Amino acid sequence: MEEKKEKKRRLSKRIIALIVAAAFIAVLGFTALGFFIGYWAADASAYIWTPSYEKLDESRLREIYFKQELNDEDYQILFEQTGLTKLGIQRAKANPTGWARVLRIQESYFTKRGIVHQEYVPLVCTDLIDGQNAENIFLERGDIIITSSTHFSGFRIGHSAIVTNGPAEIVFQSNQVGTANGYSSVGKMFDNRINFMVLRIKPEYFSENKVDDESYRDNLNRATSFIEHELYDIPYSVFTGVFTQKDSTAATSCSHLLWYGFNHFDDANGGKFNLDLDSNGRLLVVPKDISRSPYVELVQTFGFDPDKMYE
């Protein structure tokens, strides 16, 4: 009798163990399925926003662009035609080849394009332009460039970098697992993506006199140099700020690199500037957080819906 009871107990334990194992496998399976469904949905919903309104002809655009003084309405029309804000237009007008660049940007802004989905590790994909790269405005040292083109499953984690050499269009970045921080080109990392935005720090938050003056440029250069020197060759980790301290540089990510640099560099007086670009203040900093920071302003947008930007 006791022997039969013991056998039943053993059988019950085995059944329970099998049920638990089956439940665990089922949870893993459903979780994996959910990630893959999210991945496929993100691929299917990827798009490059282009205007649905009329593209102005060259003569009309020229008439507006070359006015001696542009008003707010003029700048709004130019933005709708190119994705360039007042800042972007001013950069163009300050350059001898600016008008030709604006025309190329307008053409790029209105051109409808296909999308190539490039998977580089399981469940992580970057959505690229199928064909010729988009056109960006003249870049300046300290500019921030952001794209939402990379997604993990259904989450658009995006990518970001800081411009270190504007004329050469070189950025410093933290890119992906298995790599360390370093340099790349704008054409390789942003102009070939389904969208990007060029941002800059607002002068009123980044200069001693609250205007766009020499101290603003000095601080931009100091912050950029700090990022280049202090964060060079540090390994990438997508969980920086979660499994490591947010203030640590044991590992970094594309957006953490920007947050840390602008938050920790020394100003001309030797003090920390403490500009916190993380708009929601959480442990994990992502490109969307920086794009929504009140301390940055838009220079150019491509591929983003201007009414929604980085949702």
Protein backbone atom coordinates (compact mmCIF):
# COMPACT_ATOMS: atom_id res chain seq x y z
CA MET A 1 0.00 0.00 0.00
CA GLU A 2 2.75 2.47 1.00
CA GLU A 3 4.66 1.57 -2.16
CA LYS A 4 1.64 2.44 -4.30
CA LYS A 5 1.22 5.78 -2.49
CA GLU A 6 4.88 6.58 -3.05
CA LYS A 7 4.55 5.84 -6.75
CA LYS A 8 1.52 8.12 -6.95
CA ARG A 9 3.41 10.90 -5.19
CA ARG A 10 6.33 10.55 -7.58
CA LEU A 11 3.98 10.54 -10.54
CA SER A 12 2.21 13.64 -9.23
CA LYS A 13 5.54 15.45 -8.83
CA ARG A 14 6.52 14.51 -12.39
CA ILE A 15 3.20 15.71 -13.76
CA ILE A 16 3.50 19.00 -11.86
CA ALA A 17 7.09 19.40 -13.11
CA LEU A 18 5.96 18.74 -16.68
CA ILE A 19 3.09 21.20 -16.35
CA VAL A 20 5.43 23.88 -14.98
CA ALA A 21 7.97 23.22 -17.75
CA ALA A 22 5.25 23.30 -20.40
CA ALA A 23 3.87 26.55 -18.99
CA PHE A 24 7.36 28.08 -18.96
CA ILE A 25 7.98 27.03 -22.57
CA ALA A 26 4.57 28.37 -23.58
CA VAL A 27 5.30 31.74 -21.95
CA LEU A 28 8.65 31.91 -23.73
CA GLY A 29 7.01 30.92 -26.99
CA PHE A 30 4.25 33.52 -26.72
CA THR A 31 6.79 36.18 -25.69
CA ALA A 32 8.99 35.36 -28.67
CA LEU A 33 5.94 35.37 -30.94
CA GLY A 34 4.97 38.76 -29.57
CA PHE A 35 8.43 40.15 -30.28
CA PHE A 36 8.35 38.81 -33.84
CA ILE A 37 4.83 40.16 -34.45
CA GLY A 38 6.02 43.55 -33.19
CA TYR A 39 9.06 43.31 -35.46
CA TRP A 40 6.98 42.55 -38.54
CA ALA A 41 4.47 45.26 -37.64
CA ALA A 42 7.27 47.83 -37.30
CA ASP A 43 8.61 46.84 -40.71
CA ALA A 44 5.17 47.10 -42.24
CA SER A 45 4.45 50.52 -40.69
CA ALA A 46 7.80 52.12 -41.63
CA TYR A 47 7.37 55.11 -43.92
CA ILE A 48 9.18 58.14 -45.29
CA TRP A 49 6.94 61.19 -44.88
CA THR A 50 6.66 63.40 -47.96
CA PRO A 51 4.43 66.46 -48.44
CA SER A 52 0.98 65.94 -49.95
CA TYR A 53 0.78 69.59 -50.98
CA GLU A 54 2.20 71.30 -54.05
CA LYS A 55 5.93 71.61 -54.65
CA LEU A 56 6.80 75.20 -55.59
CA ASP A 57 8.70 75.70 -58.84
CA GLU A 58 12.25 77.00 -58.74
CA SER A 59 11.38 80.58 -59.72
CA ARG A 60 8.83 80.98 -56.91
CA LEU A 61 11.16 79.39 -54.34
CA ARG A 62 13.99 81.65 -55.53
CA GLU A 63 11.78 84.71 -55.19
CA ILE A 64 11.14 83.92 -51.53
CA TYR A 65 14.64 82.74 -50.67
CA PHE A 66 16.40 85.80 -52.08
CA LYS A 67 14.20 88.43 -50.44
CA GLN A 68 16.29 91.04 -48.69
CA GLU A 69 14.37 90.41 -45.46
CA LEU A 70 12.34 87.28 -44.84
CA ASN A 71 9.32 87.38 -42.53
CA ASP A 72 7.77 84.56 -40.53
CA GLU A 73 5.47 83.60 -43.40
CA ASP A 74 8.43 83.32 -45.77
CA TYR A 75 10.28 81.07 -43.36
CA GLN A 76 7.16 78.93 -42.92
CA ILE A 77 6.85 78.45 -46.70
CA LEU A 78 10.52 77.53 -46.96
CA PHE A 79 10.11 75.06 -44.10
CA GLU A 80 7.12 73.44 -45.79
CA GLN A 81 9.13 73.14 -49.00
CA THR A 82 12.42 71.90 -47.55
CA GLY A 83 12.12 70.86 -43.92
CA LEU A 84 14.59 73.66 -43.08
CA THR A 85 13.72 75.93 -40.19
CA LYS A 86 14.82 79.56 -39.99
CA LEU A 87 18.14 78.30 -38.61
CA GLY A 88 18.64 75.99 -41.58
CA ILE A 89 17.79 78.70 -44.10
CA GLN A 90 20.20 81.10 -42.38
CA ARG A 91 22.96 78.52 -42.70
CA ALA A 92 22.21 78.18 -46.39
CA LYS A 93 22.19 81.94 -46.98
CA ALA A 94 25.55 82.27 -45.19
CA ASN A 95 27.16 79.81 -47.64
CA PRO A 96 28.01 80.66 -51.28
CA THR A 97 26.56 77.34 -52.44
CA GLY A 98 23.53 77.60 -50.18
CA TRP A 99 20.90 78.16 -52.88
CA ALA A 100 22.00 75.07 -54.82
CA ARG A 101 21.90 73.05 -51.57
CA VAL A 102 18.38 74.29 -50.80
CA LEU A 103 17.17 73.21 -54.24
CA ARG A 104 18.61 69.72 -53.70
CA ILE A 105 17.03 69.55 -50.26
CA GLN A 106 13.64 70.54 -51.70
CA GLU A 107 13.91 67.81 -54.33
CA SER A 108 14.92 65.29 -51.69
CA TYR A 109 12.08 66.41 -49.39
CA PHE A 110 9.38 65.79 -52.03
CA THR A 111 10.80 62.62 -53.63
CA LYS A 112 8.83 59.46 -52.85
CA ARG A 113 11.13 56.55 -52.04
CA GLY A 114 11.06 52.86 -51.29
CA ILE A 115 12.36 51.30 -48.08
CA VAL A 116 14.95 48.58 -47.48
CA HIS A 117 14.77 46.72 -44.16
CA GLN A 118 18.28 45.81 -43.00
CA GLU A 119 18.41 43.33 -40.13
CA TYR A 120 21.82 43.18 -38.46
CA VAL A 121 20.98 41.09 -35.36
CA PRO A 122 17.79 39.11 -34.62
CA LEU A 123 14.79 41.36 -33.97
CA VAL A 124 16.82 44.53 -34.64
CA CYS A 125 16.38 46.27 -37.98
CA THR A 126 17.32 49.58 -39.56
CA ASP A 127 15.01 51.00 -42.22
CA LEU A 128 17.00 52.50 -45.07
CA ILE A 129 16.19 54.55 -48.18
CA ASP A 130 16.00 52.45 -51.33
CA GLY A 131 18.09 54.56 -53.68
CA GLN A 132 19.88 57.89 -53.43
CA ASN A 133 20.56 59.34 -49.99
CA ALA A 134 18.61 62.31 -48.66
CA GLU A 135 20.26 65.74 -48.63
CA ASN A 136 21.22 67.53 -45.41
CA ILE A 137 21.93 71.18 -44.72
CA PHE A 138 25.40 72.49 -43.83
CA LEU A 139 26.32 71.01 -40.47
CA GLU A 140 28.17 72.63 -37.58
CA ARG A 141 30.29 71.21 -34.79
CA GLY A 142 28.06 70.37 -31.83
CA ASP A 143 24.93 69.66 -33.90
CA ILE A 144 22.92 66.63 -32.81
CA ILE A 145 21.43 64.28 -35.42
CA ILE A 146 18.62 61.87 -34.57
CA THR A 147 16.73 59.21 -36.52
CA SER A 148 13.96 56.78 -35.53
CA SER A 149 14.94 54.37 -38.31
CA THR A 150 16.19 51.53 -36.06
CA HIS A 151 13.71 49.32 -34.24
CA PHE A 152 13.94 46.42 -31.80
CA SER A 153 10.83 44.31 -32.29
CA GLY A 154 8.06 46.95 -32.39
CA PHE A 155 10.01 49.56 -30.42
CA ARG A 156 11.59 52.37 -32.44
CA ILE A 157 14.79 52.85 -30.46
CA GLY A 158 16.35 55.05 -33.15
CA HIS A 159 19.89 56.37 -33.25
CA SER A 160 21.69 59.64 -32.45
CA ALA A 161 25.14 61.19 -32.78
CA ILE A 162 27.02 64.47 -32.39
CA VAL A 163 28.65 66.30 -35.28
CA THR A 164 32.38 66.80 -34.68
CA ASN A 165 33.36 68.14 -38.10
CA GLY A 166 30.62 69.98 -39.96
CA PRO A 167 32.28 70.58 -43.37
CA ALA A 168 33.50 66.96 -43.53
CA GLU A 169 30.14 65.70 -42.15
CA ILE A 170 31.76 63.51 -39.48
CA VAL A 171 29.88 62.35 -36.38
CA PHE A 172 30.96 60.74 -33.11
CA GLN A 173 28.65 57.98 -31.94
CA SER A 174 27.98 54.86 -29.94
CA ASN A 175 26.58 52.47 -32.50
CA GLN A 176 25.76 48.84 -31.66
CA VAL A 177 26.50 45.80 -29.52
CA GLY A 178 30.06 44.55 -29.98
CA THR A 179 31.46 47.94 -30.98
CA ALA A 180 33.07 50.85 -29.14
CA ASN A 181 32.44 54.57 -29.51
CA GLY A 182 34.06 56.19 -32.53
CA TYR A 183 33.64 58.22 -35.70
CA SER A 184 31.53 57.73 -38.79
CA SER A 185 30.04 59.78 -41.61
CA VAL A 186 26.63 61.43 -41.81
CA GLY A 187 26.06 59.79 -45.19
CA LYS A 188 26.56 56.33 -43.74
CA MET A 189 24.58 56.78 -40.53
CA PHE A 190 21.78 59.29 -41.27
CA ASP A 191 21.36 60.49 -44.86
CA ASN A 192 20.59 56.91 -45.92
CA ARG A 193 17.88 56.44 -43.28
CA ILE A 194 14.12 56.83 -43.67
CA ASN A 195 14.23 59.96 -41.53
CA PHE A 196 16.53 62.25 -39.60
CA MET A 197 16.46 65.55 -37.78
CA VAL A 198 19.29 68.01 -37.19
CA LEU A 199 19.12 69.77 -33.81
CA ARG A 200 21.25 72.27 -31.98
CA ILE A 201 21.41 73.42 -28.36
CA LYS A 202 19.43 76.63 -27.82
CA PRO A 203 21.84 79.54 -27.22
CA GLU A 204 19.76 80.89 -24.32
CA TYR A 205 20.54 77.74 -22.33
CA PHE A 206 24.15 77.38 -23.38
CA SER A 207 25.87 80.75 -23.10
CA GLU A 208 26.73 83.02 -20.22
CA ASN A 209 25.00 86.02 -21.79
CA LYS A 210 21.87 84.12 -22.92
CA VAL A 211 22.50 85.02 -26.57
CA ASP A 212 24.21 83.41 -29.56
CA ASP A 213 27.67 84.75 -28.78
CA GLU A 214 31.25 83.60 -28.40
CA SER A 215 30.54 81.80 -25.12
CA TYR A 216 27.87 79.70 -26.86
CA ARG A 217 30.34 78.51 -29.50
CA ASP A 218 32.96 77.95 -26.82
CA ASN A 219 30.62 75.78 -24.77
CA LEU A 220 29.55 73.80 -27.84
CA ASN A 221 33.18 73.14 -28.65
CA ARG A 222 33.99 72.21 -25.03
CA ALA A 223 31.06 69.78 -24.82
CA THR A 224 31.93 68.18 -28.17
CA SER A 225 35.61 67.86 -27.26
CA PHE A 226 34.68 66.34 -23.89
CA ILE A 227 32.51 63.73 -25.59
CA GLU A 228 35.26 62.92 -28.11
CA HIS A 229 38.02 62.57 -25.54
CA GLU A 230 36.27 61.20 -22.44
CA LEU A 231 33.94 58.76 -24.20
CA TYR A 232 36.19 57.47 -26.97
CA ASP A 233 36.51 53.68 -27.35
CA ILE A 234 33.97 52.88 -24.60
CA PRO A 235 31.86 49.75 -25.28
CA TYR A 236 28.22 50.00 -26.31
CA SER A 237 25.41 48.73 -24.09
CA VAL A 238 21.73 49.22 -24.80
CA PHE A 239 21.05 48.90 -21.05
CA THR A 240 23.29 51.80 -19.99
CA GLY A 241 21.57 53.51 -17.08
CA VAL A 242 19.63 50.36 -16.17
CA PHE A 243 22.29 47.74 -15.42
CA THR A 244 24.93 50.45 -14.89
CA GLN A 245 24.71 53.81 -13.15
CA LYS A 246 23.48 56.62 -15.41
CA ASP A 247 26.49 58.71 -14.38
CA SER A 248 28.90 55.87 -15.18
CA THR A 249 30.95 55.58 -18.37
CA ALA A 250 31.69 51.87 -17.98
CA ALA A 251 29.46 51.47 -21.03
CA THR A 252 27.36 53.85 -23.07
CA SER A 253 24.74 54.08 -25.81
CA CYS A 254 24.12 56.60 -28.59
CA SER A 255 21.83 58.84 -26.56
CA HIS A 256 23.54 58.26 -23.19
CA LEU A 257 26.76 59.49 -24.80
CA LEU A 258 25.07 62.82 -25.64
CA TRP A 259 23.33 63.09 -22.28
CA TYR A 260 26.52 62.39 -20.34
CA GLY A 261 28.67 64.76 -22.37
CA PHE A 262 26.41 67.80 -22.17
CA ASN A 263 25.71 67.11 -18.50
CA HIS A 264 29.33 66.69 -17.36
CA PHE A 265 31.70 68.84 -19.41
CA ASP A 266 33.53 71.76 -17.76
CA ASP A 267 32.64 75.30 -18.78
CA ALA A 268 35.17 78.13 -19.13
CA ASN A 269 35.11 78.69 -15.36
CA GLY A 270 35.90 75.06 -14.57
CA GLY A 271 32.41 74.18 -13.35
CA LYS A 272 30.01 71.53 -14.66
CA PHE A 273 27.46 72.95 -17.07
CA ASN A 274 24.85 70.33 -16.10
CA LEU A 275 22.61 70.57 -19.17
CA ASP A 276 20.25 67.61 -18.80
CA LEU A 277 19.01 66.62 -22.29
CA ASP A 278 16.92 63.70 -20.97
CA SER A 279 13.41 65.11 -21.34
CA ASN A 280 11.70 62.51 -19.12
CA GLY A 281 14.46 62.01 -16.51
CA ARG A 282 14.31 58.22 -16.46
CA LEU A 283 17.26 55.86 -16.05
CA LEU A 284 17.39 54.92 -19.73
CA VAL A 285 18.05 57.76 -22.19
CA VAL A 286 16.83 57.18 -25.75
CA PRO A 287 16.99 59.39 -28.87
CA LYS A 288 13.31 60.31 -28.58
CA ASP A 289 13.98 61.80 -25.12
CA ILE A 290 16.67 64.08 -26.53
CA SER A 291 14.52 65.11 -29.51
CA ARG A 292 11.87 66.31 -27.04
CA SER A 293 14.26 68.19 -24.78
CA PRO A 294 13.33 71.84 -24.17
CA TYR A 295 17.04 72.68 -24.54
CA VAL A 296 17.28 71.82 -28.25
CA GLU A 297 15.83 73.42 -31.39
CA LEU A 298 15.27 72.10 -34.88
CA VAL A 299 17.50 72.99 -37.82
CA GLN A 300 16.22 70.47 -40.38
CA THR A 301 13.84 67.54 -40.64
CA PHE A 302 13.56 64.87 -43.32
CA GLY A 303 11.17 61.92 -43.45
CA PHE A 304 9.39 62.82 -40.20
CA ASP A 305 5.83 64.13 -40.26
CA PRO A 306 6.37 67.76 -39.12
CA ASP A 307 3.14 67.65 -37.12
CA LYS A 308 4.24 64.58 -35.16
CA MET A 309 8.03 64.37 -35.46
CA TYR A 310 9.45 61.53 -33.31
CA GLU A 311 6.37 60.00 -31.70
